[in-house]
Amino acid sequence: MARARVPGRGPAGDVPGGHRPDGRALALPLPQRSRPPDAGRRRQRLRCARHRDRRAPRLRGRVRGGCGLRGRGWRAGRPAAALPAAHRPPALGDVLQHRHHRRDGQRARRVRGRADRLGRGVAGRRVPQPVDEGAGELRAPRRDPSRQAGGHLRQARDLKYLAALAVVVLLALPLVLSSYLVTVFVLIFFYAYLGQAWNIVGGYAGQLSAGHAAFVGVGAYTAAVLSLSAGLTPWVGMFVGGALAAVLGAFIGFLGFRFGLRGFYFVLLTVAFAEMCRIVANNVEAIGGAVGLYITFTGNPRQFQFQDTRAYYYIALGLMIAATAVAAAIERRRFGVYLSAIREDEGAAEAVGVPTFRYKMLAMIVSSFLTGVGGTFYAFYLFSLQPNTVFGIPLSVEIIIRPIVGGAGTLFGPVVGSFILSPLAELTRLYFAAGGGWAGVHLIVYGVLLVVVVLFFPQGAVPWMKRALGRTRA
């Protein structure tokens, strides 16, 4: 059937605002921007809106009812009646999004208002925290870093008080000891001093030296020769001997550190120089040759000779305290930090800019100087020098084993190691001397004790004691 036409126009169905013959308005297609969404898109948008707002169903009904769109046009997917742009309903998603943001803003303002009122009400008061009564039974409480730092400070302060008390006791001890026990304590202090000197380069810097007997021999022979030939007092000669020992140590360190010798190679280098010194002392007649040097006892304190053994006791104690003070000063400063970094990982220390060669040389020089000064005490306490004894490997072992047993790289490790080993060695000598005499039997005891320490206390006695005290306090 032909469609009705309006005069002067096209078909009535194509004319906007056309009418049917019965006078009813035609349902004309809306422009693209004015069309409501189809049913599928509408349902998807409504589903997302429901996830954002639980009031979406009521809001949807309110929007439709207010705009007169509750009819069947959108539900059936058919186009709705044309509306003017001013009365066109907004999209449902836009309405929900606007309401969602507006409600969030209102909620945020309410929360801020409550917080402000709460802050004004409890200003200056401390809000009590809930306490779980059973929490302490289930898990250990967290440790406060400030309390841990305070614990370390208290531990350091306790160590200082303990060291001061020990010094006072040691100062008064010769008044109640026999001459033999005073001699034993002299050996304890002397080897603790030598062990502390070795600990600077072997413990803190990690450069194992097995030839420190060479520095003892150089210092001892220098002071003895100057005293016997030039009449120089050993009180001055000990520093001259220490300076020559430092020169030798600098030369050994330069060869070893410049060419990158580490570990066993550096050990072999130091042993080789100690053997060279022994061979030279055995073949130079001006310093006694193989016979050695013998110092005549005159009892003159100016010549480092005393009638009373307690004088040597106090001198040895002073040397031990001085070496411990030097080690403590090194440990607290950048020097000690750099030496520890070199000991842990020399390559990493070089990578971060630590001048490893310079600080290893300084450690070697300081260590050899202190050892050379101790050589003067060795010479004028025994009044005789034998090249095979002074420059021999057994003396180097005596020096090294004290810090290892006590704890290499620790401040009191050499002292504790000497207090453990020196009395044990003396008791061993007395026992086997009474039974017929075994030469060097104390070295066997040293070997057994060293095996035990390596197996069960690899870090030494001092770290083990610290851990034990920590467990006891905990």
Foldseek 3Di string as FASTA:
>chain_A
DDADPDPPDGGQQPDPQRADPVGDTDQHDDDPVQWADAQVVLVVLLVVLCVLPVCSVVVVVVQCVVLVNPDCCRVVRHTDHDDDPVSRGDHSNVVSVVVSVVVVVVVVVVVVVVVVVVCVVQPPHDDDDDDDPCPVVPDPDDDDVVVVVVVVVVVVVVVVVVVVVVVVCLVCVVVPDDQVVLVLLLQLLLLLLLLLLQLLQCFLQVADELFLLQLLVQLQLQLVCCCVPVVQASVVSLQVSLQVLLVVLLVLLCVPVVVPNGDVRSHVSSLVVLVVSLQVQQCDPSQPHQNFAFADADCDVSNVHHPGSVVSSVVSNVSSVVSLVVVVVCCVDPLSVLSNVNNVPVVVSVVVPRPSSVSSSVSSSSSSSSSSSSSNSVCRVVRTDGSCPSSHSVVSCSNNLQLQQQFRNDSCSNSVSSVPLSVVLVVVQVVVVVVPGDPPVSVVVSVVSSVVCVVPPRRHDVVVVVVVVVVVVD
